[in-house]
Amino acid sequence: MLYLIGFMGVGKTTIGKQIAAFNKVVFIDTDSQIEKETSKSIKEIFETDGEIAFRKLETDTIRSINRKAIIACGGGLPSHNNNIEYLKHKGTVIYLKASTVTLIKRLEKNKNKRPLISKLTNDKLLEFIRKILKEREETYKQADYTIETDNKTVKEVLREINSLLLTI
C-alpha cells in the first residue's frame, strides 16, 4: 500500500491517479470512496452528520481497504483515530507538502467543494490554513517520506515518487 497524505489542495488525488496508472494498481481516494458508500457528498455528511461522524467514516474506509492500492487520504484522516499509525503499519506513507502560499492559490479556486473552507473569505482562508497546518504538521511529519510540491510540475513530483518506489 502507498498512502498519500497532506493538506487539502496539495495534489494527492491528481498525483495518486497517475502513480496508480503508471504502476498498474488500483487508485482509491478516501473521500470519493466515502461519497460512493454513503451516497452523500462530503459536504452533506459534514452538514447533516457532523465532522466526528465523517472522521469515523474515514477511519472505517481506510481500514476496509484490503487490496494493493495507491490511496489518497483526506487531509485530516491521518490526524484522527490513530490513523497515521495504522497507515505506517500497513504500507508506505508519503507526505505531499506545499506552502501556505501555494495552498491558498489552489484552494481559492474551488472552495465551494470543500466543506471546511467553503464559507471562508480569502483572509479567513489564510488563517484557517495556517491554523490547521500547525495542528496537523506533527502528524504529517510522521510519514515515511516528505515531498515538497511547491514550484514543481506534476511530472516532477511523480518522478520523485517513482524513484522512491524503486528503492522501497
N, C-alpha and C. Protein backbone atom coordinates (compact mmCIF):
# COMPACT_ATOMS: atom_id res chain seq x y z
N MET A 1 0.84 -1.19 0.00
CA MET A 1 0.00 0.00 0.00
C MET A 1 0.88 1.25 0.00
N LEU A 2 0.43 2.21 -0.76
CA LEU A 2 1.09 3.51 -0.75
C LEU A 2 0.03 4.54 -0.40
N TYR A 3 0.26 5.26 0.68
CA TYR A 3 -0.68 6.26 1.16
C TYR A 3 -0.11 7.64 0.91
N LEU A 4 -0.90 8.51 0.31
CA LEU A 4 -0.52 9.90 0.10
C LEU A 4 -1.29 10.74 1.11
N ILE A 5 -0.55 11.51 1.91
CA ILE A 5 -1.19 12.37 2.89
C ILE A 5 -0.73 13.80 2.66
N GLY A 6 -1.47 14.73 3.24
CA GLY A 6 -1.13 16.14 3.14
C GLY A 6 -2.40 16.98 3.18
N PHE A 7 -2.22 18.27 3.20
CA PHE A 7 -3.33 19.20 3.31
C PHE A 7 -4.21 19.16 2.08
N MET A 8 -5.47 19.56 2.22
CA MET A 8 -6.35 19.64 1.05
C MET A 8 -5.73 20.56 0.00
N GLY A 9 -5.87 20.18 -1.25
CA GLY A 9 -5.36 21.00 -2.34
C GLY A 9 -3.91 20.76 -2.70
N VAL A 10 -3.25 19.85 -2.00
CA VAL A 10 -1.83 19.63 -2.26
C VAL A 10 -1.60 18.77 -3.52
N GLY A 11 -2.63 18.05 -3.95
CA GLY A 11 -2.50 17.25 -5.18
C GLY A 11 -2.49 15.75 -4.97
N LYS A 12 -2.97 15.29 -3.83
CA LYS A 12 -2.94 13.85 -3.54
C LYS A 12 -3.70 13.03 -4.57
N THR A 13 -4.89 13.50 -4.95
CA THR A 13 -5.71 12.77 -5.92
C THR A 13 -5.07 12.82 -7.31
N THR A 14 -4.67 13.98 -7.74
CA THR A 14 -4.05 14.13 -9.06
C THR A 14 -2.81 13.24 -9.18
N ILE A 15 -1.94 13.31 -8.19
CA ILE A 15 -0.71 12.53 -8.19
C ILE A 15 -1.03 11.04 -8.04
N GLY A 16 -1.92 10.72 -7.12
CA GLY A 16 -2.26 9.32 -6.86
C GLY A 16 -2.79 8.59 -8.08
N LYS A 17 -3.69 9.24 -8.81
CA LYS A 17 -4.25 8.62 -10.03
C LYS A 17 -3.14 8.28 -11.02
N GLN A 18 -2.21 9.20 -11.17
CA GLN A 18 -1.14 8.98 -12.15
C GLN A 18 -0.15 7.91 -11.70
N ILE A 19 0.17 7.89 -10.42
CA ILE A 19 1.07 6.83 -9.91
C ILE A 19 0.42 5.48 -10.11
N ALA A 20 -0.86 5.40 -9.78
CA ALA A 20 -1.59 4.14 -9.91
C ALA A 20 -1.61 3.67 -11.36
N ALA A 21 -1.89 4.58 -12.27
CA ALA A 21 -1.93 4.22 -13.70
C ALA A 21 -0.55 3.76 -14.16
N PHE A 22 0.48 4.49 -13.78
CA PHE A 22 1.84 4.15 -14.19
C PHE A 22 2.26 2.78 -13.66
N ASN A 23 1.88 2.49 -12.42
CA ASN A 23 2.28 1.24 -11.77
C ASN A 23 1.23 0.13 -11.92
N LYS A 24 0.17 0.44 -12.65
CA LYS A 24 -0.90 -0.54 -12.93
C LYS A 24 -1.48 -1.16 -11.66
N VAL A 25 -1.82 -0.28 -10.71
CA VAL A 25 -2.51 -0.71 -9.49
C VAL A 25 -3.76 0.14 -9.30
N VAL A 26 -4.61 -0.29 -8.42
CA VAL A 26 -5.86 0.40 -8.13
C VAL A 26 -5.57 1.73 -7.43
N PHE A 27 -6.37 2.74 -7.77
CA PHE A 27 -6.31 4.03 -7.07
C PHE A 27 -7.59 4.20 -6.27
N ILE A 28 -7.43 4.62 -5.02
CA ILE A 28 -8.59 4.90 -4.16
C ILE A 28 -8.40 6.26 -3.52
N ASP A 29 -9.40 7.11 -3.67
CA ASP A 29 -9.45 8.39 -2.97
C ASP A 29 -10.44 8.19 -1.83
N THR A 30 -10.01 8.37 -0.59
CA THR A 30 -10.89 8.05 0.53
C THR A 30 -12.17 8.90 0.53
N ASP A 31 -12.06 10.16 0.14
CA ASP A 31 -13.26 10.99 0.09
C ASP A 31 -14.26 10.46 -0.95
N SER A 32 -13.76 10.12 -2.12
CA SER A 32 -14.64 9.58 -3.17
C SER A 32 -15.26 8.26 -2.74
N GLN A 33 -14.47 7.44 -2.06
CA GLN A 33 -14.96 6.15 -1.57
C GLN A 33 -16.10 6.36 -0.57
N ILE A 34 -15.93 7.31 0.32
CA ILE A 34 -16.97 7.62 1.32
C ILE A 34 -18.23 8.12 0.62
N GLU A 35 -18.07 9.00 -0.35
CA GLU A 35 -19.23 9.51 -1.08
C GLU A 35 -19.98 8.38 -1.79
N LYS A 36 -19.23 7.47 -2.37
CA LYS A 36 -19.83 6.33 -3.07
C LYS A 36 -20.59 5.43 -2.09
N GLU A 37 -19.97 5.14 -0.96
CA GLU A 37 -20.58 4.21 0.00
C GLU A 37 -21.77 4.81 0.74
N THR A 38 -21.77 6.12 0.95
CA THR A 38 -22.86 6.75 1.70
C THR A 38 -23.92 7.38 0.80
N SER A 39 -23.61 7.50 -0.49
CA SER A 39 -24.48 8.21 -1.43
C SER A 39 -24.73 9.65 -1.00
N LYS A 40 -23.74 10.23 -0.33
CA LYS A 40 -23.79 11.64 0.09
C LYS A 40 -22.47 12.30 -0.28
N SER A 41 -22.52 13.59 -0.54
CA SER A 41 -21.26 14.33 -0.75
C SER A 41 -20.61 14.55 0.61
N ILE A 42 -19.31 14.82 0.59
CA ILE A 42 -18.59 15.11 1.84
C ILE A 42 -19.25 16.32 2.51
N LYS A 43 -19.61 17.30 1.72
CA LYS A 43 -20.27 18.50 2.25
C LYS A 43 -21.57 18.12 2.97
N GLU A 44 -22.38 17.24 2.37
CA GLU A 44 -23.63 16.80 3.01
C GLU A 44 -23.36 16.07 4.33
N ILE A 45 -22.34 15.22 4.32
CA ILE A 45 -22.01 14.48 5.54
C ILE A 45 -21.65 15.45 6.66
N PHE A 46 -20.82 16.44 6.34
CA PHE A 46 -20.45 17.44 7.35
C PHE A 46 -21.68 18.18 7.86
N GLU A 47 -22.57 18.56 6.93
CA GLU A 47 -23.74 19.36 7.30
C GLU A 47 -24.77 18.55 8.08
N THR A 48 -25.00 17.30 7.70
CA THR A 48 -26.07 16.53 8.34
C THR A 48 -25.58 15.68 9.50
N ASP A 49 -24.39 15.13 9.40
CA ASP A 49 -23.91 14.19 10.42
C ASP A 49 -22.81 14.78 11.30
N GLY A 50 -22.10 15.78 10.79
CA GLY A 50 -21.04 16.43 11.55
C GLY A 50 -19.66 15.86 11.27
N GLU A 51 -18.65 16.59 11.73
CA GLU A 51 -17.27 16.21 11.45
C GLU A 51 -16.87 14.91 12.15
N ILE A 52 -17.34 14.69 13.39
CA ILE A 52 -16.96 13.47 14.11
C ILE A 52 -17.43 12.23 13.36
N ALA A 53 -18.65 12.27 12.85
CA ALA A 53 -19.18 11.14 12.06
C ALA A 53 -18.35 10.94 10.80
N PHE A 54 -17.97 12.05 10.16
CA PHE A 54 -17.15 11.95 8.96
C PHE A 54 -15.80 11.32 9.27
N ARG A 55 -15.17 11.72 10.38
CA ARG A 55 -13.86 11.16 10.74
C ARG A 55 -13.95 9.67 11.01
N LYS A 56 -15.08 9.22 11.57
CA LYS A 56 -15.28 7.78 11.78
C LYS A 56 -15.42 7.07 10.44
N LEU A 57 -16.13 7.68 9.51
CA LEU A 57 -16.26 7.09 8.16
C LEU A 57 -14.89 6.97 7.50
N GLU A 58 -14.05 7.99 7.67
CA GLU A 58 -12.69 7.94 7.11
C GLU A 58 -11.92 6.75 7.68
N THR A 59 -11.98 6.61 9.00
CA THR A 59 -11.26 5.53 9.67
C THR A 59 -11.78 4.17 9.20
N ASP A 60 -13.09 4.01 9.15
CA ASP A 60 -13.67 2.75 8.69
C ASP A 60 -13.26 2.46 7.24
N THR A 61 -13.26 3.49 6.41
CA THR A 61 -12.91 3.32 5.00
C THR A 61 -11.47 2.87 4.84
N ILE A 62 -10.56 3.53 5.53
CA ILE A 62 -9.13 3.21 5.37
C ILE A 62 -8.84 1.80 5.87
N ARG A 63 -9.56 1.37 6.88
CA ARG A 63 -9.33 0.04 7.44
C ARG A 63 -10.02 -1.06 6.62
N SER A 64 -10.95 -0.69 5.76
CA SER A 64 -11.65 -1.70 4.95
C SER A 64 -10.92 -2.02 3.65
N ILE A 65 -9.90 -1.25 3.31
CA ILE A 65 -9.18 -1.49 2.05
C ILE A 65 -8.21 -2.65 2.26
N ASN A 66 -8.42 -3.71 1.51
CA ASN A 66 -7.60 -4.90 1.74
C ASN A 66 -6.94 -5.41 0.45
N ARG A 67 -6.75 -4.51 -0.51
CA ARG A 67 -6.03 -4.89 -1.72
C ARG A 67 -4.94 -3.87 -1.99
N LYS A 68 -3.95 -4.28 -2.73
CA LYS A 68 -2.84 -3.38 -3.04
C LYS A 68 -3.37 -2.18 -3.81
N ALA A 69 -3.03 -0.99 -3.35
CA ALA A 69 -3.57 0.22 -3.97
C ALA A 69 -2.71 1.43 -3.66
N ILE A 70 -2.94 2.48 -4.45
CA ILE A 70 -2.40 3.81 -4.16
C ILE A 70 -3.59 4.55 -3.57
N ILE A 71 -3.42 5.09 -2.37
CA ILE A 71 -4.55 5.67 -1.66
C ILE A 71 -4.28 7.13 -1.33
N ALA A 72 -5.17 8.00 -1.81
CA ALA A 72 -5.13 9.42 -1.47
C ALA A 72 -6.02 9.61 -0.26
N CYS A 73 -5.42 9.99 0.85
CA CYS A 73 -6.16 10.15 2.11
C CYS A 73 -6.68 11.57 2.24
N GLY A 74 -7.88 11.70 2.79
CA GLY A 74 -8.40 13.03 3.11
C GLY A 74 -7.39 13.77 3.98
N GLY A 75 -7.36 15.08 3.88
CA GLY A 75 -6.36 15.88 4.58
C GLY A 75 -6.29 15.65 6.08
N GLY A 76 -7.44 15.43 6.72
CA GLY A 76 -7.45 15.24 8.16
C GLY A 76 -7.37 13.79 8.60
N LEU A 77 -7.50 12.87 7.67
CA LEU A 77 -7.54 11.44 8.01
C LEU A 77 -6.38 10.99 8.89
N PRO A 78 -5.13 11.33 8.58
CA PRO A 78 -4.02 10.83 9.40
C PRO A 78 -4.06 11.34 10.85
N SER A 79 -4.69 12.48 11.07
CA SER A 79 -4.67 13.13 12.39
C SER A 79 -5.72 12.61 13.37
N HIS A 80 -6.55 11.71 12.95
CA HIS A 80 -7.64 11.25 13.79
C HIS A 80 -7.58 9.73 14.00
N ASN A 81 -8.06 9.30 15.15
CA ASN A 81 -8.27 7.88 15.45
C ASN A 81 -7.03 7.00 15.25
N ASN A 82 -5.86 7.53 15.54
CA ASN A 82 -4.60 6.79 15.37
C ASN A 82 -4.38 6.31 13.94
N ASN A 83 -4.95 7.02 12.98
CA ASN A 83 -4.85 6.58 11.58
C ASN A 83 -3.42 6.61 11.05
N ILE A 84 -2.60 7.58 11.49
CA ILE A 84 -1.23 7.63 10.97
C ILE A 84 -0.46 6.37 11.34
N GLU A 85 -0.67 5.88 12.55
CA GLU A 85 0.00 4.64 12.97
C GLU A 85 -0.47 3.47 12.12
N TYR A 86 -1.77 3.43 11.86
CA TYR A 86 -2.33 2.36 11.02
C TYR A 86 -1.72 2.40 9.61
N LEU A 87 -1.67 3.60 9.02
CA LEU A 87 -1.13 3.74 7.67
C LEU A 87 0.32 3.27 7.61
N LYS A 88 1.11 3.70 8.58
CA LYS A 88 2.53 3.32 8.59
C LYS A 88 2.71 1.82 8.79
N HIS A 89 1.82 1.21 9.55
CA HIS A 89 1.88 -0.23 9.76
C HIS A 89 1.51 -1.01 8.50
N LYS A 90 0.57 -0.45 7.73
CA LYS A 90 0.05 -1.16 6.56
C LYS A 90 0.81 -0.91 5.26
N GLY A 91 1.61 0.16 5.21
CA GLY A 91 2.27 0.47 3.95
C GLY A 91 3.25 1.61 4.07
N THR A 92 3.52 2.25 2.95
CA THR A 92 4.43 3.39 2.89
C THR A 92 3.61 4.66 2.81
N VAL A 93 4.00 5.66 3.61
CA VAL A 93 3.27 6.91 3.69
C VAL A 93 4.14 8.04 3.13
N ILE A 94 3.59 8.76 2.16
CA ILE A 94 4.29 9.91 1.59
C ILE A 94 3.49 11.17 1.87
N TYR A 95 4.15 12.13 2.48
CA TYR A 95 3.55 13.43 2.77
C TYR A 95 3.85 14.37 1.62
N LEU A 96 2.82 14.80 0.92
CA LEU A 96 2.97 15.81 -0.12
C LEU A 96 2.78 17.15 0.57
N LYS A 97 3.84 17.93 0.57
CA LYS A 97 3.86 19.18 1.34
C LYS A 97 3.88 20.38 0.41
N ALA A 98 3.04 21.37 0.74
CA ALA A 98 3.02 22.62 -0.02
C ALA A 98 2.97 23.78 0.97
N SER A 99 3.49 24.91 0.53
CA SER A 99 3.49 26.10 1.38
C SER A 99 2.09 26.68 1.47
N THR A 100 1.90 27.54 2.45
CA THR A 100 0.62 28.23 2.63
C THR A 100 0.26 29.02 1.38
N VAL A 101 1.24 29.68 0.78
CA VAL A 101 1.00 30.50 -0.43
C VAL A 101 0.48 29.60 -1.56
N THR A 102 1.12 28.47 -1.76
CA THR A 102 0.69 27.54 -2.82
C THR A 102 -0.71 27.02 -2.53
N LEU A 103 -0.97 26.66 -1.29
CA LEU A 103 -2.28 26.12 -0.92
C LEU A 103 -3.38 27.14 -1.14
N ILE A 104 -3.12 28.39 -0.78
CA ILE A 104 -4.14 29.43 -0.99
C ILE A 104 -4.46 29.58 -2.46
N LYS A 105 -3.45 29.62 -3.30
CA LYS A 105 -3.67 29.75 -4.75
C LYS A 105 -4.55 28.61 -5.27
N ARG A 106 -4.28 27.40 -4.80
CA ARG A 106 -5.03 26.24 -5.27
C ARG A 106 -6.45 26.19 -4.69
N LEU A 107 -6.58 26.53 -3.42
CA LEU A 107 -7.87 26.36 -2.75
C LEU A 107 -8.87 27.47 -3.04
N GLU A 108 -8.39 28.67 -3.34
CA GLU A 108 -9.30 29.78 -3.64
C GLU A 108 -10.20 29.43 -4.83
N LYS A 109 -9.67 28.65 -5.75
CA LYS A 109 -10.38 28.32 -6.99
C LYS A 109 -11.61 27.44 -6.77
N ASN A 110 -11.53 26.53 -5.80
CA ASN A 110 -12.66 25.59 -5.65
C ASN A 110 -13.09 25.41 -4.20
N LYS A 111 -13.19 26.52 -3.49
CA LYS A 111 -13.59 26.48 -2.08
C LYS A 111 -14.95 25.81 -1.88
N ASN A 112 -15.87 26.03 -2.80
CA ASN A 112 -17.24 25.53 -2.62
C ASN A 112 -17.32 24.02 -2.49
N LYS A 113 -16.36 23.31 -3.03
CA LYS A 113 -16.38 21.85 -2.98
C LYS A 113 -15.81 21.30 -1.67
N ARG A 114 -15.28 22.18 -0.85
CA ARG A 114 -14.59 21.74 0.38
C ARG A 114 -15.31 22.30 1.60
N PRO A 115 -15.99 21.42 2.34
CA PRO A 115 -16.86 21.89 3.43
C PRO A 115 -16.14 22.68 4.53
N LEU A 116 -14.90 22.37 4.81
CA LEU A 116 -14.22 23.08 5.89
C LEU A 116 -13.88 24.53 5.53
N ILE A 117 -13.84 24.84 4.23
CA ILE A 117 -13.44 26.19 3.82
C ILE A 117 -14.47 26.91 2.96
N SER A 118 -15.56 26.27 2.64
CA SER A 118 -16.50 26.81 1.65
C SER A 118 -17.06 28.19 2.02
N LYS A 119 -17.19 28.49 3.28
CA LYS A 119 -17.79 29.77 3.68
C LYS A 119 -16.75 30.81 4.13
N LEU A 120 -15.48 30.51 3.96
CA LEU A 120 -14.43 31.43 4.42
C LEU A 120 -14.09 32.48 3.37
N THR A 121 -13.85 33.72 3.83
CA THR A 121 -13.30 34.74 2.93
C THR A 121 -11.84 34.36 2.68
N ASN A 122 -11.21 34.98 1.71
CA ASN A 122 -9.82 34.66 1.41
C ASN A 122 -8.89 34.98 2.59
N ASP A 123 -9.18 36.05 3.34
CA ASP A 123 -8.38 36.36 4.52
C ASP A 123 -8.54 35.27 5.58
N LYS A 124 -9.76 34.84 5.79
CA LYS A 124 -10.02 33.78 6.78
C LYS A 124 -9.44 32.45 6.30
N LEU A 125 -9.40 32.25 4.99
CA LEU A 125 -8.81 31.03 4.43
C LEU A 125 -7.34 30.94 4.82
N LEU A 126 -6.62 32.04 4.71
CA LEU A 126 -5.20 32.07 5.10
C LEU A 126 -5.05 31.70 6.57
N GLU A 127 -5.86 32.29 7.43
CA GLU A 127 -5.82 31.97 8.87
C GLU A 127 -6.10 30.48 9.09
N PHE A 128 -7.12 29.99 8.42
CA PHE A 128 -7.52 28.59 8.57
C PHE A 128 -6.39 27.65 8.17
N ILE A 129 -5.79 27.90 7.01
CA ILE A 129 -4.70 27.04 6.52
C ILE A 129 -3.56 27.04 7.52
N ARG A 130 -3.16 28.21 7.98
CA ARG A 130 -2.06 28.28 8.96
C ARG A 130 -2.38 27.50 10.23
N LYS A 131 -3.60 27.68 10.74
CA LYS A 131 -4.02 27.03 11.98
C LYS A 131 -4.04 25.51 11.82
N ILE A 132 -4.70 25.04 10.77
CA ILE A 132 -4.86 23.59 10.59
C ILE A 132 -3.52 22.93 10.24
N LEU A 133 -2.72 23.60 9.43
CA LEU A 133 -1.39 23.04 9.13
C LEU A 133 -0.57 22.89 10.40
N LYS A 134 -0.64 23.90 11.26
CA LYS A 134 0.09 23.83 12.52
C LYS A 134 -0.39 22.64 13.36
N GLU A 135 -1.70 22.42 13.39
CA GLU A 135 -2.27 21.30 14.14
C GLU A 135 -1.87 19.94 13.56
N ARG A 136 -1.80 19.87 12.25
CA ARG A 136 -1.56 18.58 11.58
C ARG A 136 -0.10 18.29 11.27
N GLU A 137 0.73 19.30 11.32
CA GLU A 137 2.13 19.16 10.87
C GLU A 137 2.86 18.01 11.57
N GLU A 138 2.70 17.89 12.87
CA GLU A 138 3.40 16.81 13.59
C GLU A 138 2.97 15.44 13.08
N THR A 139 1.70 15.29 12.79
CA THR A 139 1.20 14.03 12.24
C THR A 139 1.76 13.81 10.83
N TYR A 140 1.67 14.82 10.00
CA TYR A 140 2.17 14.70 8.63
C TYR A 140 3.66 14.33 8.61
N LYS A 141 4.42 14.90 9.54
CA LYS A 141 5.87 14.65 9.59
C LYS A 141 6.21 13.20 9.93
N GLN A 142 5.24 12.44 10.42
CA GLN A 142 5.47 11.04 10.73
C GLN A 142 5.50 10.15 9.48
N ALA A 143 5.19 10.73 8.33
CA ALA A 143 5.22 9.97 7.08
C ALA A 143 6.62 9.40 6.86
N ASP A 144 6.69 8.35 6.08
CA ASP A 144 7.98 7.75 5.77
C ASP A 144 8.83 8.68 4.90
N TYR A 145 8.17 9.43 4.03
CA TYR A 145 8.86 10.36 3.12
C TYR A 145 8.05 11.64 2.99
N THR A 146 8.76 12.74 2.77
CA THR A 146 8.12 14.03 2.51
C THR A 146 8.59 14.52 1.16
N ILE A 147 7.65 14.95 0.35
CA ILE A 147 7.99 15.53 -0.95
C ILE A 147 7.41 16.93 -1.00
N GLU A 148 8.29 17.90 -1.18
CA GLU A 148 7.87 19.30 -1.33
C GLU A 148 7.30 19.45 -2.74
N THR A 149 6.11 20.05 -2.84
CA THR A 149 5.48 20.18 -4.16
C THR A 149 5.50 21.60 -4.71
N ASP A 150 5.94 22.57 -3.90
CA ASP A 150 5.97 23.96 -4.36
C ASP A 150 6.83 24.08 -5.61
N ASN A 151 6.32 24.83 -6.57
CA ASN A 151 7.05 25.13 -7.80
C ASN A 151 7.49 23.89 -8.57
N LYS A 152 6.78 22.78 -8.39
CA LYS A 152 7.08 21.57 -9.15
C LYS A 152 5.88 21.20 -9.99
N THR A 153 6.17 20.68 -11.16
CA THR A 153 5.09 20.18 -12.01
C THR A 153 4.65 18.82 -11.48
N VAL A 154 3.50 18.38 -11.94
CA VAL A 154 3.01 17.05 -11.57
C VAL A 154 4.04 16.01 -11.98
N LYS A 155 4.62 16.17 -13.16
CA LYS A 155 5.62 15.20 -13.64
C LYS A 155 6.83 15.13 -12.72
N GLU A 156 7.27 16.28 -12.23
CA GLU A 156 8.43 16.29 -11.32
C GLU A 156 8.12 15.56 -10.02
N VAL A 157 6.92 15.77 -9.49
CA VAL A 157 6.52 15.09 -8.26
C VAL A 157 6.41 13.59 -8.52
N LEU A 158 5.81 13.23 -9.64
CA LEU A 158 5.68 11.81 -10.00
C LEU A 158 7.05 11.15 -10.12
N ARG A 159 7.98 11.85 -10.73
CA ARG A 159 9.34 11.32 -10.88
C ARG A 159 9.96 11.04 -9.50
N GLU A 160 9.79 11.98 -8.58
CA GLU A 160 10.32 11.79 -7.22
C GLU A 160 9.69 10.58 -6.54
N ILE A 161 8.38 10.46 -6.66
CA ILE A 161 7.69 9.34 -6.00
C ILE A 161 8.11 8.03 -6.64
N ASN A 162 8.15 7.98 -7.95
CA ASN A 162 8.53 6.72 -8.62
C ASN A 162 9.97 6.34 -8.30
N SER A 163 10.85 7.32 -8.13
CA SER A 163 12.22 6.96 -7.74
C SER A 163 12.25 6.43 -6.32
N LEU A 164 11.39 6.95 -5.45
CA LEU A 164 11.26 6.40 -4.10
C LEU A 164 10.74 4.96 -4.13
N LEU A 165 9.74 4.75 -4.97
CA LEU A 165 9.13 3.42 -5.05
C LEU A 165 10.15 2.37 -5.50
N LEU A 166 11.07 2.78 -6.32
CA LEU A 166 12.11 1.83 -6.78
C LEU A 166 13.02 1.40 -5.65
N THR A 167 13.15 2.27 -4.63
CA THR A 167 14.06 1.94 -3.51
C THR A 167 13.34 1.27 -2.34
N ILE A 168 12.03 1.27 -2.39
CA ILE A 168 11.25 0.70 -1.27
C ILE A 168 11.16 -0.83 -1.43
